[in-house]
């Protein structure tokens, strides 16, 4: 059955009505004609994704195949049988026989030595536009010789039957490493495409001695490279889009012996409460050809209202990385000098910036603490604390130690400085305090990148054990010490101890043998 199924995809494309590698203007035209979206007054295409306005992690599976079975971390990834995959794959292809299809051919990986040729087959024109803007676009010469090594087939209108197909619901995101296929259906949220290919790269790159990372990256005028690790909503895209630095990429990167490279060719920014004053680079990138998801658009003026969360808090904007002035094209850079771990602490107790030792770096990388921001996943309506290993657990097929050991080795080799930055709450937890001012966070990050924080005194946080700067240019002294921003100091102590307990419980459960690294984590104070 395997050989028959593999042969059917090219047969389908030969007999169906595919349109290959359409220009942006043509994809927009097709999307409008089909009623898939509306144009804003700036020329961006806004589409609504229905009931699914975020990822569906409970519906994501890796096919349990002999060649990968012993490599996959099944504690973190759900398995589906080859038989179930084959049946669903065949039915999806049969379903598409009478459909108009849109095909994008491109790459994942800006470094040509490590890039993956991909093909994306879409039922919707706007999804194909998304793929065009988010993945790496080939030149005409590259397109002539393009042979896909992995194919994404995205059929949002096809619903799975859990009893027949072995899924959890009628939604499915399936990755087969043997057949080199990603199947997506039952959801219209475009982000499933980019994260599926990221998961594929997280499997393939480490086997080539390249660390794959859920981070953004930029480079300074002197060639100094910075990485920003963090989950959705913690500030990767916002903080890496810096007018004083050149953007390499906003979300996914590889780190080889030569340096870092962007896995994507575009940016996927959260745009709830987006303003020209607060985030001018992102604001100005949303022009003709950009794709908006679930943004409220005025019916008369077609002006986007980024402050309105009518459909979701997880409103999104997708645009080519070239839309950011001075972006590095192709997206490659040297060895990182500064690494920043971003967390959005809903407890409001983690210092807004602190310096980490190597042991603390390993602890926080393996812990991956943050808060799930509203709308990033189905069912998440308020910030919820979570621990996401390596700041990207949903996208990691391999065991965490693979990524952690590679990171530790690369930091040792390059002597990179590592900071923990809290973009979450200050002055109290969610509902009491407020989000850290972006201006303060930018000032702290700038100080770290320019070496200013190497010139100041530090104090050790009594609970988290990290080194907290006493002063930082552009930031009030009291902001740097989270306890000083709380009106109720006893309530702060209680919340800090509670979070420390959660850190310990999570780490002990997931990494019971890593006793030495646990010692670098927070401690509960009496």
Protein backbone atom coordinates (compact mmCIF):
# COMPACT_ATOMS: atom_id res chain seq x y z
CA UNK A 1 0.00 0.00 0.00
CA UNK A 2 2.89 2.33 0.72
CA UNK A 3 4.22 2.39 -2.87
CA UNK A 4 0.75 2.92 -4.26
CA UNK A 5 0.08 5.86 -1.96
CA UNK A 6 3.40 7.55 -2.67
CA UNK A 7 2.73 7.38 -6.42
CA UNK A 8 -0.71 8.92 -6.11
CA UNK A 9 0.37 12.46 -5.22
CA UNK A 10 2.09 13.25 -8.53
CA UNK A 11 -0.73 11.46 -10.33
CA UNK A 12 -3.22 13.68 -8.54
CA UNK A 13 -1.34 16.84 -9.46
CA UNK A 14 -1.16 15.67 -13.07
CA UNK A 15 -4.91 15.07 -13.30
CA UNK A 16 -6.32 17.76 -10.98
CA UNK A 17 -6.35 21.51 -11.52
CA UNK A 18 -3.21 22.74 -9.75
CA UNK A 19 -1.84 26.23 -10.20
CA UNK A 20 1.89 26.32 -9.54
CA UNK A 21 3.86 29.10 -7.86
CA UNK A 22 1.44 31.92 -8.58
CA UNK A 23 2.59 35.49 -8.03
CA UNK A 24 1.40 37.33 -4.93
CA UNK A 25 -1.00 39.48 -6.93
CA UNK A 26 -2.55 36.40 -8.57
CA UNK A 27 -2.98 34.60 -5.23
CA UNK A 28 -4.67 37.66 -3.78
CA UNK A 29 -6.93 37.86 -6.82
CA UNK A 30 -7.87 34.19 -6.45
CA UNK A 31 -8.50 34.54 -2.72
CA UNK A 32 -10.77 37.54 -3.21
CA UNK A 33 -12.62 35.85 -6.07
CA UNK A 34 -13.25 32.80 -3.90
CA UNK A 35 -14.45 34.84 -0.94
CA UNK A 36 -11.56 33.69 1.26
CA UNK A 37 -10.69 37.15 2.58
CA UNK A 38 -10.86 40.91 2.18
CA UNK A 39 -8.23 43.52 1.44
CA UNK A 40 -7.44 46.16 4.04
CA UNK A 41 -6.85 49.77 3.07
CA UNK A 42 -3.09 49.04 3.15
CA UNK A 43 -3.44 46.09 0.78
CA UNK A 44 -3.06 43.23 3.25
CA UNK A 45 -5.33 40.22 2.82
CA UNK A 46 -7.36 39.49 5.97
CA UNK A 47 -8.81 36.00 6.39
CA UNK A 48 -10.94 34.53 9.16
CA UNK A 49 -10.00 31.05 10.33
CA UNK A 50 -13.33 30.08 11.89
CA UNK A 51 -13.43 28.31 15.25
CA UNK A 52 -9.72 27.49 15.20
CA UNK A 53 -7.74 30.68 15.79
CA UNK A 54 -4.65 28.96 17.17
CA UNK A 55 -2.72 25.73 16.93
CA UNK A 56 -4.29 22.37 17.81
CA UNK A 57 -1.46 20.53 19.64
CA UNK A 58 -3.72 17.69 20.80
CA UNK A 59 -4.40 16.84 17.15
CA UNK A 60 -0.77 16.64 16.06
CA UNK A 61 0.79 13.19 15.49
CA UNK A 62 3.99 11.63 14.23
CA UNK A 63 3.55 8.43 12.26
CA UNK A 64 5.14 5.55 14.19
CA UNK A 65 7.47 4.15 11.55
CA UNK A 66 10.32 1.68 12.03
CA UNK A 67 13.03 4.04 10.79
CA UNK A 68 12.21 6.74 13.37
CA UNK A 69 10.55 4.85 16.23
CA UNK A 70 13.65 4.74 18.46
CA UNK A 71 14.55 8.39 17.80
CA UNK A 72 11.24 10.07 18.64
CA UNK A 73 10.50 11.31 22.14
CA UNK A 74 7.14 9.59 22.57
CA UNK A 75 6.68 11.23 25.97
CA UNK A 76 6.30 14.51 24.12
CA UNK A 77 4.81 13.37 20.79
CA UNK A 78 1.67 11.39 20.03
CA UNK A 79 1.99 8.37 17.75
CA UNK A 80 -0.35 7.31 14.98
CA UNK A 81 0.00 4.03 13.11
CA UNK A 82 1.18 3.74 9.53
CA UNK A 83 -2.11 2.04 8.70
CA UNK A 84 -4.17 4.96 9.97
CA UNK A 85 -1.93 7.42 8.16
CA UNK A 86 -2.16 5.47 4.88
CA UNK A 87 -5.93 5.38 5.01
CA UNK A 88 -6.27 9.07 5.77
CA UNK A 89 -3.65 9.98 3.16
CA UNK A 90 -5.48 8.01 0.46
CA UNK A 91 -8.83 9.54 1.36
CA UNK A 92 -7.41 13.06 1.38
CA UNK A 93 -5.91 12.57 -2.08
CA UNK A 94 -9.18 11.15 -3.38
CA UNK A 95 -11.03 14.12 -1.90
CA UNK A 96 -8.72 16.52 -3.74
CA UNK A 97 -9.27 14.99 -7.17
CA UNK A 98 -12.12 17.39 -7.92
CA UNK A 99 -10.57 20.43 -6.24
CA UNK A 100 -8.68 23.42 -7.57
CA UNK A 101 -5.25 23.30 -5.94
CA UNK A 102 -2.52 25.84 -5.33
CA UNK A 103 1.09 24.68 -5.17
CA UNK A 104 4.11 26.48 -3.73
CA UNK A 105 7.66 25.22 -4.20
CA UNK A 106 10.35 26.63 -1.97
CA UNK A 107 12.74 25.94 0.85
CA UNK A 108 13.14 25.76 4.61
CA UNK A 109 16.60 26.89 5.68
CA UNK A 110 18.43 29.98 4.41
CA UNK A 111 21.83 28.27 4.49
CA UNK A 112 22.01 26.36 1.22
CA UNK A 113 24.14 23.67 2.87
CA UNK A 114 21.26 22.70 5.16
CA UNK A 115 18.09 23.84 3.42
CA UNK A 116 15.17 21.51 2.79
CA UNK A 117 13.31 21.73 -0.55
CA UNK A 118 9.58 21.66 0.20
CA UNK A 119 6.28 21.66 -1.67
CA UNK A 120 3.04 23.01 -0.17
CA UNK A 121 -0.26 21.92 -1.72
CA UNK A 122 -3.25 24.00 -0.65
CA UNK A 123 -6.98 23.91 -1.08
CA UNK A 124 -7.23 27.66 -0.32
CA UNK A 125 -5.46 30.39 -2.26
CA UNK A 126 -4.86 32.44 0.89
CA UNK A 127 -3.11 29.51 2.55
CA UNK A 128 -0.81 29.27 -0.45
CA UNK A 129 -0.12 33.00 -0.17
CA UNK A 130 0.78 32.41 3.47
CA UNK A 131 3.18 29.63 2.45
CA UNK A 132 4.69 31.90 -0.21
CA UNK A 133 5.35 34.64 2.34
CA UNK A 134 6.51 32.46 5.25
CA UNK A 135 8.82 29.96 3.56
CA UNK A 136 11.90 30.78 1.49
CA UNK A 137 11.04 31.79 -2.04
CA UNK A 138 13.24 30.30 -4.79
CA UNK A 139 14.82 32.21 -7.63
CA UNK A 140 13.68 31.39 -11.15
CA UNK A 141 16.82 29.30 -11.63
CA UNK A 142 16.30 27.43 -8.36
CA UNK A 143 12.69 26.77 -9.30
CA UNK A 144 13.72 25.08 -12.55
CA UNK A 145 15.67 22.42 -10.65
CA UNK A 146 13.46 22.26 -7.56
CA UNK A 147 12.67 18.75 -6.30
CA UNK A 148 10.71 18.65 -3.04
CA UNK A 149 12.06 16.46 -0.28
CA UNK A 150 9.03 17.10 1.96
CA UNK A 151 5.45 17.91 1.01
CA UNK A 152 2.73 19.64 3.02
CA UNK A 153 -0.84 18.85 1.98
CA UNK A 154 -3.32 21.19 3.65
CA UNK A 155 -7.02 20.40 3.26
CA UNK A 156 -9.00 22.43 5.81
CA UNK A 157 -12.41 21.30 4.57
CA UNK A 158 -11.61 17.60 5.00
CA UNK A 159 -12.68 16.20 8.37
CA UNK A 160 -11.17 13.08 9.87
CA UNK A 161 -13.22 10.36 11.56
CA UNK A 162 -11.46 9.45 14.83
CA UNK A 163 -12.95 5.94 14.88
CA UNK A 164 -11.63 5.20 11.41
CA UNK A 165 -8.48 7.33 11.21
CA UNK A 166 -7.15 7.03 14.76
CA UNK A 167 -7.18 10.79 15.40
CA UNK A 168 -8.42 12.62 18.50
CA UNK A 169 -10.98 14.66 16.58
CA UNK A 170 -11.88 15.66 13.04
CA UNK A 171 -8.78 17.90 13.03
CA UNK A 172 -5.41 16.37 12.18
CA UNK A 173 -1.77 17.35 11.74
CA UNK A 174 0.23 14.25 10.79
CA UNK A 175 3.95 13.98 9.99
CA UNK A 176 5.36 10.96 8.19
CA UNK A 177 9.15 10.99 8.10
CA UNK A 178 9.33 7.91 5.88
CA UNK A 179 6.92 9.19 3.26
CA UNK A 180 8.11 12.78 3.79
CA UNK A 181 4.59 14.12 3.98
CA UNK A 182 2.69 16.43 6.32
CA UNK A 183 -1.11 16.08 6.26
CA UNK A 184 -3.22 18.87 7.74
CA UNK A 185 -7.00 19.06 7.81
CA UNK A 186 -10.03 20.13 9.80
CA UNK A 187 -8.59 23.53 10.70
CA UNK A 188 -8.04 26.76 8.79
CA UNK A 189 -5.33 28.18 11.07
CA UNK A 190 -2.40 28.81 8.71
CA UNK A 191 0.24 28.61 11.42
CA UNK A 192 -0.05 24.81 11.39
CA UNK A 193 1.93 24.79 8.14
CA UNK A 194 4.96 26.67 9.40
CA UNK A 195 5.11 24.82 12.71
CA UNK A 196 4.84 21.43 11.00
CA UNK A 197 7.84 22.15 8.81
CA UNK A 198 9.64 23.49 11.87
CA UNK A 199 8.98 20.15 13.57
CA UNK A 200 10.44 18.40 10.52
CA UNK A 201 13.56 20.57 10.67
CA UNK A 202 13.85 19.89 14.41
CA UNK A 203 14.20 16.23 13.49
CA UNK A 204 16.49 16.59 10.48
CA UNK A 205 18.96 19.31 11.53
CA UNK A 206 20.37 17.76 14.73
CA UNK A 207 21.26 14.66 12.71
CA UNK A 208 23.54 16.97 10.70
CA UNK A 209 25.07 18.49 13.85
CA UNK A 210 22.95 21.64 13.56
CA UNK A 211 21.01 22.91 16.58
CA UNK A 212 17.46 23.84 15.60
CA UNK A 213 16.00 26.58 17.77
CA UNK A 214 12.66 28.24 18.49
CA UNK A 215 14.13 31.72 18.54
CA UNK A 216 14.47 34.97 16.66
CA UNK A 217 17.82 36.44 15.66
CA UNK A 218 19.30 39.77 14.65
CA UNK A 219 22.72 41.26 14.05
CA UNK A 220 24.30 44.55 15.12
CA UNK A 221 26.37 46.98 13.11
CA UNK A 222 29.57 45.29 14.23
CA UNK A 223 28.33 41.85 13.21
CA UNK A 224 27.38 40.77 16.73
CA UNK A 225 24.54 38.25 16.67
CA UNK A 226 21.77 37.93 19.28
CA UNK A 227 19.26 35.11 19.77
CA UNK A 228 15.86 35.48 21.43
CA UNK A 229 14.34 32.22 22.66
CA UNK A 230 10.68 32.12 23.70
CA UNK A 231 7.22 30.81 23.07
CA UNK A 232 4.49 32.68 21.21
CA UNK A 233 3.59 35.98 22.81
CA UNK A 234 6.82 36.46 24.75
CA UNK A 235 8.28 39.04 22.38
CA UNK A 236 10.55 37.20 19.90
CA UNK A 237 9.20 39.02 16.87
CA UNK A 238 8.80 42.39 18.57
CA UNK A 239 12.23 42.51 20.21
CA UNK A 240 14.15 41.20 17.22
CA UNK A 241 12.57 43.86 14.98
CA UNK A 242 14.96 46.57 16.14
CA UNK A 243 15.65 49.67 14.05
CA UNK A 244 19.27 49.69 15.26
CA UNK A 245 19.91 46.10 14.24
CA UNK A 246 19.30 43.95 11.16
CA UNK A 247 16.76 41.14 11.37
CA UNK A 248 17.90 37.62 10.48
CA UNK A 249 14.57 36.01 11.36
CA UNK A 250 11.77 36.19 13.91
CA UNK A 251 10.96 32.63 14.98
CA UNK A 252 12.96 29.62 13.78
CA UNK A 253 16.71 29.19 13.30
CA UNK A 254 19.50 26.69 12.91
CA UNK A 255 22.94 27.02 14.53
CA UNK A 256 25.73 25.30 12.61
CA UNK A 257 29.50 25.42 12.89
CA UNK A 258 29.40 28.48 10.61
CA UNK A 259 26.80 30.42 12.61
CA UNK A 260 23.03 30.87 12.62
CA UNK A 261 20.55 30.84 9.75
CA UNK A 262 16.86 31.52 9.40
CA UNK A 263 14.69 28.50 8.67
CA UNK A 264 11.95 30.70 7.20
CA UNK A 265 11.60 33.45 4.63
CA UNK A 266 8.97 35.45 6.47
CA UNK A 267 7.67 36.68 9.83
CA UNK A 268 4.52 35.69 11.71
CA UNK A 269 3.79 38.42 14.24
CA UNK A 270 1.08 38.68 16.84
CA UNK A 271 -0.68 41.95 16.13
CA UNK A 272 -3.19 42.41 18.93
CA UNK A 273 -2.86 46.04 20.08
CA UNK A 274 -0.29 46.70 17.36
CA UNK A 275 0.52 50.39 16.97
CA UNK A 276 2.75 52.38 14.66
CA UNK A 277 4.41 54.08 17.61
CA UNK A 278 5.05 50.91 19.62
CA UNK A 279 6.17 48.56 16.83
CA UNK A 280 6.84 50.67 13.71
CA UNK A 281 8.73 48.00 11.77
CA UNK A 282 5.93 45.44 12.06
CA UNK A 283 3.28 48.10 11.43
CA UNK A 284 4.96 49.22 8.22
CA UNK A 285 5.53 45.63 7.05
CA UNK A 286 1.79 44.99 6.82
CA UNK A 287 1.23 46.18 3.28
CA UNK A 288 0.22 44.66 -0.04
CA UNK A 289 0.88 40.93 0.00
CA UNK A 290 0.87 40.56 3.78
CA UNK A 291 -1.61 38.11 5.27
CA UNK A 292 -3.68 38.97 8.33
CA UNK A 293 -5.55 36.37 10.36
CA UNK A 294 -8.71 37.17 12.32
CA UNK A 295 -8.20 40.92 12.47
CA UNK A 296 -11.33 43.05 12.67
CA UNK A 297 -11.59 45.15 9.49
CA UNK A 298 -14.02 48.04 9.10
CA UNK A 299 -16.62 47.18 6.46
CA UNK A 300 -16.66 50.71 5.02
CA UNK A 301 -13.06 51.92 5.21
CA UNK A 302 -11.34 48.49 5.28
CA UNK A 303 -9.09 49.80 8.04
CA UNK A 304 -7.67 47.12 10.33
CA UNK A 305 -8.51 47.54 14.01
CA UNK A 306 -5.69 45.83 15.85
CA UNK A 307 -7.15 46.68 19.25
CA UNK A 308 -10.30 44.63 18.68
CA UNK A 309 -10.10 41.00 19.89
CA UNK A 310 -13.54 40.10 18.55
CA UNK A 311 -12.33 36.87 16.96
CA UNK A 312 -9.28 36.12 19.11
CA UNK A 313 -6.42 37.60 21.10
CA UNK A 314 -4.16 35.66 18.73
CA UNK A 315 -4.51 37.93 15.72
CA UNK A 316 -1.60 37.45 13.34
CA UNK A 317 0.29 39.11 10.51
CA UNK A 318 2.44 37.18 8.02
CA UNK A 319 4.83 39.01 5.71
CA UNK A 320 8.18 38.42 3.95
CA UNK A 321 11.25 39.11 6.05
CA UNK A 322 12.29 41.57 3.34
CA UNK A 323 9.45 43.83 4.53
CA UNK A 324 11.56 44.68 7.57
CA UNK A 325 14.02 47.45 6.57
CA UNK A 326 17.60 46.21 6.45
CA UNK A 327 16.70 42.55 6.97
CA UNK A 328 19.57 40.16 6.31
CA UNK A 329 18.99 38.43 2.95
CA UNK A 330 19.72 35.56 2.80
CA UNK A 331 19.05 35.08 6.50
CA UNK A 332 22.45 33.94 7.72
CA UNK A 333 24.70 35.33 10.45
CA UNK A 334 27.77 34.53 12.50
CA UNK A 335 28.19 32.94 15.90
CA UNK A 336 25.88 34.37 18.61
CA UNK A 337 27.37 36.75 21.16
CA UNK A 338 24.29 37.21 23.37
CA UNK A 339 21.46 34.77 24.04
CA UNK A 340 18.23 35.94 25.62
CA UNK A 341 15.60 33.63 27.12
CA UNK A 342 12.19 35.33 27.04
CA UNK A 343 9.51 34.44 29.54
CA UNK A 344 6.12 36.02 30.15
CA UNK A 345 5.75 35.36 33.86
CA UNK A 346 2.08 35.52 34.86
CA UNK A 347 3.07 35.39 38.56
CA UNK A 348 4.88 38.72 38.22
CA UNK A 349 7.86 37.63 40.33
CA UNK A 350 10.72 36.85 37.93
CA UNK A 351 13.15 39.78 37.53
CA UNK A 352 12.72 41.69 34.27
CA UNK A 353 16.34 40.90 33.34
CA UNK A 354 19.00 38.74 34.94
CA UNK A 355 22.26 37.09 33.95
CA UNK A 356 22.54 33.29 33.98
CA UNK A 357 25.42 30.97 34.73
CA UNK A 358 25.99 27.96 32.48
CA UNK A 359 24.15 25.70 34.95
CA UNK A 360 21.25 28.16 35.19
CA UNK A 361 21.18 28.36 31.40
CA UNK A 362 20.72 24.59 31.18
CA UNK A 363 18.06 24.68 33.90
CA UNK A 364 15.99 27.41 32.26
CA UNK A 365 16.43 26.00 28.75
CA UNK A 366 15.19 22.59 29.86
CA UNK A 367 12.43 24.18 31.95
CA UNK A 368 11.23 26.61 29.28
CA UNK A 369 8.96 28.47 31.67
CA UNK A 370 6.50 31.01 30.33
CA UNK A 371 2.78 31.70 30.14
CA UNK A 372 0.65 30.50 27.27
CA UNK A 373 -0.80 33.68 25.90
CA UNK A 374 -4.50 33.93 25.09
CA UNK A 375 -5.46 32.36 21.77
CA UNK A 376 -2.14 30.77 20.82
CA UNK A 377 -3.71 27.36 21.34
CA UNK A 378 -7.31 26.17 21.27
CA UNK A 379 -9.00 26.69 24.63
CA UNK A 380 -6.46 29.16 26.03
CA UNK A 381 -8.42 32.32 26.84
CA UNK A 382 -6.26 33.78 29.63
CA UNK A 383 -2.52 33.59 30.33
CA UNK A 384 -1.62 30.21 31.80
CA UNK A 385 1.72 29.24 33.30
CA UNK A 386 3.47 26.39 31.52
CA UNK A 387 6.83 24.71 31.15
CA UNK A 388 7.74 24.06 27.53
CA UNK A 389 11.07 22.25 27.25
CA UNK A 390 13.68 24.11 25.18
CA UNK A 391 11.15 26.92 24.73
CA UNK A 392 9.46 24.89 22.01
CA UNK A 393 8.26 21.52 23.32
CA UNK A 394 5.29 21.18 20.91
CA UNK A 395 7.68 21.22 17.96
CA UNK A 396 10.47 18.93 19.20
CA UNK A 397 10.41 15.34 17.90
CA UNK A 398 13.68 14.32 19.61
CA UNK A 399 14.49 13.96 23.29
CA UNK A 400 15.21 17.30 25.05
CA UNK A 401 18.73 16.28 26.02
CA UNK A 402 19.69 16.27 22.31
CA UNK A 403 18.95 19.98 21.98
CA UNK A 404 20.21 20.92 25.45
CA UNK A 405 23.59 19.25 25.04
CA UNK A 406 24.08 20.91 21.65
CA UNK A 407 23.22 24.33 23.10
CA UNK A 408 25.58 23.87 26.03
CA UNK A 409 28.43 22.87 23.75
CA UNK A 410 27.90 25.81 21.42
CA UNK A 411 27.72 28.32 24.29
CA UNK A 412 31.00 26.92 25.66
CA UNK A 413 32.67 27.18 22.28
CA UNK A 414 31.52 30.75 21.63
CA UNK A 415 31.44 32.17 25.18
CA UNK A 416 28.03 33.71 24.58
CA UNK A 417 26.42 35.67 27.42
CA UNK A 418 22.96 34.44 28.47
CA UNK A 419 20.21 36.57 30.01
CA UNK A 420 16.71 35.76 31.23
CA UNK A 421 14.22 38.50 30.34
CA UNK A 422 10.69 38.63 31.76
CA UNK A 423 8.27 40.36 29.40
CA UNK A 424 5.32 39.32 31.59
CA UNK A 425 3.80 40.93 34.62
CA UNK A 426 5.16 43.39 37.15
CA UNK A 427 3.62 44.82 40.31
CA UNK A 428 1.52 41.71 40.83
CA UNK A 429 0.22 38.64 39.05
CA UNK A 430 -2.28 38.57 36.19
CA UNK A 431 -5.33 40.53 37.26
CA UNK A 432 -3.40 42.68 39.74
CA UNK A 433 -0.20 43.80 38.07
CA UNK A 434 0.43 44.94 34.51
CA UNK A 435 2.56 43.80 31.57
CA UNK A 436 6.11 45.08 31.60
CA UNK A 437 6.38 48.25 29.53
CA UNK A 438 7.84 47.47 26.12
CA UNK A 439 10.07 50.55 26.38
CA UNK A 440 11.67 49.15 29.54
CA UNK A 441 12.19 45.73 27.99
CA UNK A 442 13.76 47.27 24.90
CA UNK A 443 16.10 49.34 27.11
CA UNK A 444 17.18 46.25 29.05
CA UNK A 445 17.76 44.20 25.91
CA UNK A 446 19.72 47.07 24.33
CA UNK A 447 21.90 47.33 27.43
CA UNK A 448 22.60 43.59 27.29
CA UNK A 449 23.47 43.69 23.59
CA UNK A 450 25.74 46.74 23.91
CA UNK A 451 27.65 45.32 26.88
CA UNK A 452 26.35 47.96 29.29
CA UNK A 453 25.22 45.30 31.76
CA UNK A 454 28.79 44.07 32.01
CA UNK A 455 29.69 47.36 33.69
CA UNK A 456 27.11 47.42 36.51
CA UNK A 457 26.78 45.82 39.93
CA UNK A 458 24.56 42.76 40.44
CA UNK A 459 22.57 41.31 43.30
CA UNK A 460 21.55 37.69 43.69
CA UNK A 461 17.80 37.09 43.71
CA UNK A 462 17.08 35.13 46.92
CA UNK A 463 14.52 32.80 45.32
CA UNK A 464 15.59 32.42 41.70
CA UNK A 465 19.33 32.62 42.35
CA UNK A 466 19.95 34.69 39.21
CA UNK A 467 22.13 37.79 39.03
CA UNK A 468 19.99 40.94 38.81
CA UNK A 469 21.56 44.24 37.69
CA UNK A 470 21.20 47.04 40.23
CA UNK A 471 20.96 49.64 37.48
CA UNK A 472 20.19 49.69 33.77
CA UNK A 473 20.11 52.70 31.41
CA UNK A 474 16.56 53.81 30.71
CA UNK A 475 14.93 51.68 33.43
CA UNK A 476 13.88 52.84 36.93
CA UNK A 477 15.87 51.04 39.64
CA UNK A 478 12.75 49.73 41.38
CA UNK A 479 11.52 48.05 38.18
CA UNK A 480 14.62 45.85 38.13
CA UNK A 481 13.69 44.39 41.54
CA UNK A 482 10.23 42.83 41.11
CA UNK A 483 9.45 42.78 44.83
CA UNK A 484 9.79 46.56 44.97
CA UNK A 485 6.96 46.93 42.42
CA UNK A 486 4.49 45.03 44.61
CA UNK A 487 2.37 46.94 47.13
CA UNK A 488 1.98 43.76 49.20
CA UNK A 489 5.49 42.42 49.83
CA UNK A 490 4.22 39.35 51.71
CA UNK A 491 2.05 38.46 48.72
CA UNK A 492 5.15 38.69 46.53
CA UNK A 493 7.06 36.26 48.75
CA UNK A 494 4.15 33.83 48.61
CA UNK A 495 3.90 34.00 44.82
CA UNK A 496 7.66 33.69 44.35
CA UNK A 497 7.75 30.57 46.53
CA UNK A 498 4.80 29.09 44.68
CA UNK A 499 6.51 29.55 41.33
CA UNK A 500 9.77 28.15 42.72
CA UNK A 501 7.87 25.05 43.82
CA UNK A 502 6.40 24.68 40.32
CA UNK A 503 9.88 24.95 38.80
CA UNK A 504 11.21 22.24 41.10
CA UNK A 505 8.26 19.91 40.60
CA UNK A 506 8.39 20.24 36.80
CA UNK A 507 12.14 19.67 36.58
CA UNK A 508 12.17 16.75 39.00
CA UNK A 509 9.36 15.06 37.09
CA UNK A 510 10.86 15.53 33.62
CA UNK A 511 14.57 15.19 34.43
CA UNK A 512 14.91 13.12 37.61
CA UNK A 513 18.55 12.27 36.92
CA UNK A 514 19.71 15.86 36.31
CA UNK A 515 20.37 16.57 40.00
CA UNK A 516 23.30 18.93 39.41
CA UNK A 517 21.29 21.09 37.03
CA UNK A 518 18.34 21.15 39.46
CA UNK A 519 20.62 22.78 42.04
CA UNK A 520 20.89 25.81 39.71
CA UNK A 521 17.13 26.36 39.82
CA UNK A 522 14.93 28.41 42.18
CA UNK A 523 14.66 27.50 45.86
CA UNK A 524 11.67 27.84 48.16
CA UNK A 525 12.37 30.24 51.03
CA UNK A 526 10.81 29.86 54.44
